[in-house]
Amino acid sequence: MPGADGARGGARRAVRATVPSGPDAPGDARLTVDVRPRAGTSGLEVLPDGVLRARVAAAPVDGAANQALRSLLAAALGCPRSAVEIVQGERARRKVVRLRGLSAAAVRRRLAGSG
C-alpha cells in the first residue's frame, strides 16, 4: 500500500535532524554516551572499551530520558545542566553530548573521580 509520499511500504516517519545551538568553543568537549532508559536506578558506567553507559530511570517519552541524561551528566561532572547539550541522537540510544566549558581532560578526570 503506498504511503503519503507514494512509496510502497506504508507511511514513512519524518527524520528530524538535531542542530547544535552553535559551534564548539575551544574549551568544549564532546562525549559519546550509550543511554539505557527505564533502568531500575540511574547511574554512569565506563565500559572496558571506553564507552560511557548511562542508565536513566526515566522512560524515553516526551524527552524525559534526555532530560534525565542531562541532569545525570551535570551532577556527575559538577557543571550546570545548561552546559550539557545533546547535539546528535536525540531519539537514539547512542548520543553525542557537548559539554560547554569542560575540556576532554577535565571530563575524563571528573568521571574517574565519580566512579
Foldseek 3Di string as FASTA:
>chain_A
DAEPVRDPDYHDDDDDAFADPDDADPAKDKAKEQEAELDPDWDWDQDPVRHIYTYYNHDLPPQPSVLRVLVRLCVLLVHDSVQWAFRDDSPHRITMIMGHRHHPVSSVVSNVVSD
